Amino acid sequence: MSPRFEEIVSRKEIEAILTATEVGRLGLQDDGMPYIIPMNFGFRENCLYFHSAPKGHKIDLLKKDSRISFQCETEARRVRDEESGKWLMETRSVSAGGRARFIEDPGEKREAMMLIMSRYSGGMEFEYSDEALENLTLIRMSIDTIQARKILL
């Protein structure tokens, strides 16, 4: 049996996939080769948000080329195909492409960190000193393209 793909177009379903996913993968350009790194993230409207240390390979690559991609999926689950009797894997995924921008404004940095941390802490609120925010790099990905699929393999 060949893989079956079903496009997901509902914004609500796309957000459900993003909410259910703990870690996404950020794709960057590294001198013509893909560089993929797992990341925690936040999302709102048509943007994804990431935090990082201020220095490192990822930051260097983003400074060279702001075009990025993002991919995540929900945990795969086994399902039995009634027709063939075979076991298959089902997953739902989101893939997006866009541009990254470093967030410089302290208020916007604080808001982005709150968005990310709230997602992973069950809605808890956190306080960040100006010094703590200065030692973090916050990245905003404006989404230009987005696709979501349900896949049966």
C-alpha atoms as a PDB file:
ATOM      1  CA  MET A   1       0.000   0.000   0.000  1.00  0.00           C
ATOM      2  CA  SER A   2       1.392   3.394  -0.950  1.00  0.00           C
ATOM      3  CA  PRO A   3       1.341   6.373   1.417  1.00  0.00           C
ATOM      4  CA  ARG A   4      -1.849   8.407   1.525  1.00  0.00           C
ATOM      5  CA  PHE A   5      -1.749  12.153   2.040  1.00  0.00           C
ATOM      6  CA  GLU A   6      -4.730  14.262   3.032  1.00  0.00           C
ATOM      7  CA  GLU A   7      -4.339  18.042   3.005  1.00  0.00           C
ATOM      8  CA  ILE A   8      -5.482  19.874   6.126  1.00  0.00           C
ATOM      9  CA  VAL A   9      -6.753  23.359   5.327  1.00  0.00           C
ATOM     10  CA  SER A  10      -8.620  24.278   8.496  1.00  0.00           C
ATOM     11  CA  ARG A  11      -6.734  26.925  10.499  1.00  0.00           C
ATOM     12  CA  LYS A  12      -8.165  25.376  13.669  1.00  0.00           C
ATOM     13  CA  GLU A  13      -6.713  21.954  12.772  1.00  0.00           C
ATOM     14  CA  ILE A  14      -3.342  23.488  11.883  1.00  0.00           C
ATOM     15  CA  GLU A  15      -3.226  25.247  15.253  1.00  0.00           C
ATOM     16  CA  ALA A  16      -4.195  21.969  16.963  1.00  0.00           C
ATOM     17  CA  ILE A  17      -1.146  20.290  15.389  1.00  0.00           C
ATOM     18  CA  LEU A  18       1.109  23.165  16.490  1.00  0.00           C
ATOM     19  CA  THR A  19      -0.349  22.992  20.011  1.00  0.00           C
ATOM     20  CA  ALA A  20       0.127  19.218  20.255  1.00  0.00           C
ATOM     21  CA  THR A  21       3.751  19.390  19.106  1.00  0.00           C
ATOM     22  CA  GLU A  22       6.439  19.858  21.751  1.00  0.00           C
ATOM     23  CA  VAL A  23       9.403  20.359  19.424  1.00  0.00           C
ATOM     24  CA  GLY A  24       9.642  21.585  15.850  1.00  0.00           C
ATOM     25  CA  ARG A  25      12.541  21.610  13.447  1.00  0.00           C
ATOM     26  CA  LEU A  26      13.973  24.794  12.027  1.00  0.00           C
ATOM     27  CA  GLY A  27      15.610  24.526   8.614  1.00  0.00           C
ATOM     28  CA  LEU A  28      18.371  26.965   7.659  1.00  0.00           C
ATOM     29  CA  GLN A  29      20.814  27.355   4.764  1.00  0.00           C
ATOM     30  CA  ASP A  30      24.428  26.405   5.499  1.00  0.00           C
ATOM     31  CA  ASP A  31      26.489  27.155   2.383  1.00  0.00           C
ATOM     32  CA  GLY A  32      24.059  25.298   0.117  1.00  0.00           C
ATOM     33  CA  MET A  33      23.391  22.464   2.570  1.00  0.00           C
ATOM     34  CA  PRO A  34      20.350  22.192   4.822  1.00  0.00           C
ATOM     35  CA  TYR A  35      20.972  22.741   8.523  1.00  0.00           C
ATOM     36  CA  ILE A  36      18.118  21.437  10.658  1.00  0.00           C
ATOM     37  CA  ILE A  37      17.849  22.007  14.374  1.00  0.00           C
ATOM     38  CA  PRO A  38      15.124  21.027  16.881  1.00  0.00           C
ATOM     39  CA  MET A  39      13.566  24.021  18.631  1.00  0.00           C
ATOM     40  CA  ASN A  40      10.938  24.899  21.188  1.00  0.00           C
ATOM     41  CA  PHE A  41       8.578  27.479  19.754  1.00  0.00           C
ATOM     42  CA  GLY A  42       5.574  29.685  20.251  1.00  0.00           C
ATOM     43  CA  PHE A  43       3.031  30.735  17.683  1.00  0.00           C
ATOM     44  CA  ARG A  44       0.459  33.444  17.209  1.00  0.00           C
ATOM     45  CA  GLU A  45      -1.439  34.539  14.148  1.00  0.00           C
ATOM     46  CA  ASN A  46       0.917  34.175  11.177  1.00  0.00           C
ATOM     47  CA  CYS A  47       4.206  34.013  13.106  1.00  0.00           C
ATOM     48  CA  LEU A  48       6.377  31.495  14.908  1.00  0.00           C
ATOM     49  CA  TYR A  49       8.721  32.538  17.717  1.00  0.00           C
ATOM     50  CA  PHE A  50      11.977  30.934  18.868  1.00  0.00           C
ATOM     51  CA  HIS A  51      14.533  31.752  21.569  1.00  0.00           C
ATOM     52  CA  SER A  52      18.242  31.132  21.477  1.00  0.00           C
ATOM     53  CA  ALA A  53      21.560  31.960  23.024  1.00  0.00           C
ATOM     54  CA  PRO A  54      22.965  35.151  21.475  1.00  0.00           C
ATOM     55  CA  LYS A  55      25.830  33.344  19.713  1.00  0.00           C
ATOM     56  CA  GLY A  56      26.231  30.134  17.788  1.00  0.00           C
ATOM     57  CA  HIS A  57      26.052  28.513  14.383  1.00  0.00           C
ATOM     58  CA  LYS A  58      22.280  29.020  14.038  1.00  0.00           C
ATOM     59  CA  ILE A  59      22.601  32.753  14.721  1.00  0.00           C
ATOM     60  CA  ASP A  60      25.480  33.072  12.237  1.00  0.00           C
ATOM     61  CA  LEU A  61      23.420  31.323   9.556  1.00  0.00           C
ATOM     62  CA  LEU A  62      20.354  33.504  10.189  1.00  0.00           C
ATOM     63  CA  LYS A  63      22.480  36.630   9.850  1.00  0.00           C
ATOM     64  CA  LYS A  64      23.630  35.408   6.414  1.00  0.00           C
ATOM     65  CA  ASP A  65      20.211  34.318   5.121  1.00  0.00           C
ATOM     66  CA  SER A  66      16.882  35.064   6.780  1.00  0.00           C
ATOM     67  CA  ARG A  67      14.948  32.500   4.711  1.00  0.00           C
ATOM     68  CA  ILE A  68      13.931  29.627   6.976  1.00  0.00           C
ATOM     69  CA  SER A  69      11.594  26.681   7.080  1.00  0.00           C
ATOM     70  CA  PHE A  70       9.817  24.965   9.943  1.00  0.00           C
ATOM     71  CA  GLN A  71       8.366  21.475  10.299  1.00  0.00           C
ATOM     72  CA  CYS A  72       6.609  19.632  13.087  1.00  0.00           C
ATOM     73  CA  GLU A  73       4.340  16.643  13.476  1.00  0.00           C
ATOM     74  CA  THR A  74       2.182  15.042  16.074  1.00  0.00           C
ATOM     75  CA  GLU A  75       3.252  11.758  17.556  1.00  0.00           C
ATOM     76  CA  ALA A  76       2.766   8.953  15.072  1.00  0.00           C
ATOM     77  CA  ARG A  77       0.276   6.253  15.939  1.00  0.00           C
ATOM     78  CA  ARG A  78      -0.204   2.766  14.550  1.00  0.00           C
ATOM     79  CA  VAL A  79      -3.431   1.993  12.729  1.00  0.00           C
ATOM     80  CA  ARG A  80      -4.587  -1.185  11.028  1.00  0.00           C
ATOM     81  CA  ASP A  81      -5.745  -0.831   7.435  1.00  0.00           C
ATOM     82  CA  GLU A  82      -9.036  -2.729   7.250  1.00  0.00           C
ATOM     83  CA  GLU A  83      -8.696  -3.369   3.507  1.00  0.00           C
ATOM     84  CA  SER A  84      -5.215  -4.866   3.433  1.00  0.00           C
ATOM     85  CA  GLY A  85      -4.868  -5.965   7.051  1.00  0.00           C
ATOM     86  CA  LYS A  86      -1.507  -4.151   7.162  1.00  0.00           C
ATOM     87  CA  TRP A  87      -0.327  -1.936   9.977  1.00  0.00           C
ATOM     88  CA  LEU A  88       0.275   1.697   9.043  1.00  0.00           C
ATOM     89  CA  MET A  89       1.574   4.803  10.786  1.00  0.00           C
ATOM     90  CA  GLU A  90      -0.581   7.896  10.930  1.00  0.00           C
ATOM     91  CA  THR A  91       0.730  11.358  11.665  1.00  0.00           C
ATOM     92  CA  ARG A  92      -0.327  14.955  11.147  1.00  0.00           C
ATOM     93  CA  SER A  93       2.294  17.513  10.168  1.00  0.00           C
ATOM     94  CA  VAL A  94       2.799  21.207   9.498  1.00  0.00           C
ATOM     95  CA  SER A  95       5.456  22.642   7.191  1.00  0.00           C
ATOM     96  CA  ALA A  96       6.015  26.381   6.845  1.00  0.00           C
ATOM     97  CA  GLY A  97       8.405  28.713   5.101  1.00  0.00           C
ATOM     98  CA  GLY A  98       9.173  32.355   5.684  1.00  0.00           C
ATOM     99  CA  ARG A  99      11.683  34.905   6.871  1.00  0.00           C
ATOM    100  CA  ALA A 100      13.348  35.292  10.240  1.00  0.00           C
ATOM    101  CA  ARG A 101      13.822  38.584  12.017  1.00  0.00           C
ATOM    102  CA  PHE A 102      15.752  39.151  15.226  1.00  0.00           C
ATOM    103  CA  ILE A 103      13.571  40.871  17.805  1.00  0.00           C
ATOM    104  CA  GLU A 104      15.418  43.860  19.260  1.00  0.00           C
ATOM    105  CA  ASP A 105      12.707  45.777  21.127  1.00  0.00           C
ATOM    106  CA  PRO A 106      12.749  44.752  24.845  1.00  0.00           C
ATOM    107  CA  GLY A 107       8.950  44.844  25.093  1.00  0.00           C
ATOM    108  CA  GLU A 108       8.535  42.637  22.040  1.00  0.00           C
ATOM    109  CA  LYS A 109      11.260  40.281  23.345  1.00  0.00           C
ATOM    110  CA  ARG A 110       9.422  39.995  26.667  1.00  0.00           C
ATOM    111  CA  GLU A 111       6.136  39.287  24.876  1.00  0.00           C
ATOM    112  CA  ALA A 112       7.737  36.615  22.664  1.00  0.00           C
ATOM    113  CA  MET A 113       9.331  34.872  25.669  1.00  0.00           C
ATOM    114  CA  MET A 114       6.012  34.952  27.512  1.00  0.00           C
ATOM    115  CA  LEU A 115       4.311  33.373  24.504  1.00  0.00           C
ATOM    116  CA  ILE A 116       6.878  30.563  24.309  1.00  0.00           C
ATOM    117  CA  MET A 117       7.086  29.911  28.056  1.00  0.00           C
ATOM    118  CA  SER A 118       3.336  30.067  28.581  1.00  0.00           C
ATOM    119  CA  ARG A 119       2.947  27.322  25.988  1.00  0.00           C
ATOM    120  CA  TYR A 120       5.297  24.944  27.830  1.00  0.00           C
ATOM    121  CA  SER A 121       4.254  25.791  31.386  1.00  0.00           C
ATOM    122  CA  GLY A 122       0.498  25.410  31.103  1.00  0.00           C
ATOM    123  CA  GLY A 123      -0.109  29.151  30.979  1.00  0.00           C
ATOM    124  CA  MET A 124       2.091  30.232  33.894  1.00  0.00           C
ATOM    125  CA  GLU A 125       3.317  33.819  33.818  1.00  0.00           C
ATOM    126  CA  PHE A 126       7.010  34.628  34.172  1.00  0.00           C
ATOM    127  CA  GLU A 127       8.958  37.793  34.877  1.00  0.00           C
ATOM    128  CA  TYR A 128      12.098  38.621  32.924  1.00  0.00           C
ATOM    129  CA  SER A 129      14.603  41.232  33.938  1.00  0.00           C
ATOM    130  CA  ASP A 130      16.044  43.504  31.268  1.00  0.00           C
ATOM    131  CA  GLU A 131      19.404  41.821  31.851  1.00  0.00           C
ATOM    132  CA  ALA A 132      17.934  38.351  31.267  1.00  0.00           C
ATOM    133  CA  LEU A 133      16.326  39.515  28.022  1.00  0.00           C
ATOM    134  CA  GLU A 134      19.590  41.086  26.856  1.00  0.00           C
ATOM    135  CA  ASN A 135      21.232  37.668  27.155  1.00  0.00           C
ATOM    136  CA  LEU A 136      18.606  35.990  24.962  1.00  0.00           C
ATOM    137  CA  THR A 137      18.040  36.162  21.251  1.00  0.00           C
ATOM    138  CA  LEU A 138      14.405  36.065  20.170  1.00  0.00           C
ATOM    139  CA  ILE A 139      13.538  35.240  16.580  1.00  0.00           C
ATOM    140  CA  ARG A 140      10.262  35.898  14.818  1.00  0.00           C
ATOM    141  CA  MET A 141       9.413  33.891  11.697  1.00  0.00           C
ATOM    142  CA  SER A 142       6.818  35.563   9.499  1.00  0.00           C
ATOM    143  CA  ILE A 143       5.079  32.712   7.692  1.00  0.00           C
ATOM    144  CA  ASP A 144       4.835  33.099   3.919  1.00  0.00           C
ATOM    145  CA  THR A 145       3.707  29.543   3.145  1.00  0.00           C
ATOM    146  CA  ILE A 146       2.131  26.861   5.294  1.00  0.00           C
ATOM    147  CA  GLN A 147       0.899  23.357   4.578  1.00  0.00           C
ATOM    148  CA  ALA A 148      -0.572  20.729   6.839  1.00  0.00           C
ATOM    149  CA  ARG A 149      -1.177  17.078   6.073  1.00  0.00           C
ATOM    150  CA  LYS A 150      -2.499  13.920   7.566  1.00  0.00           C
ATOM    151  CA  ILE A 151      -0.271  11.087   6.412  1.00  0.00           C
ATOM    152  CA  LEU A 152      -0.868   7.360   6.440  1.00  0.00           C
ATOM    153  CA  LEU A 153       2.340   5.375   5.793  1.00  0.00           C
END
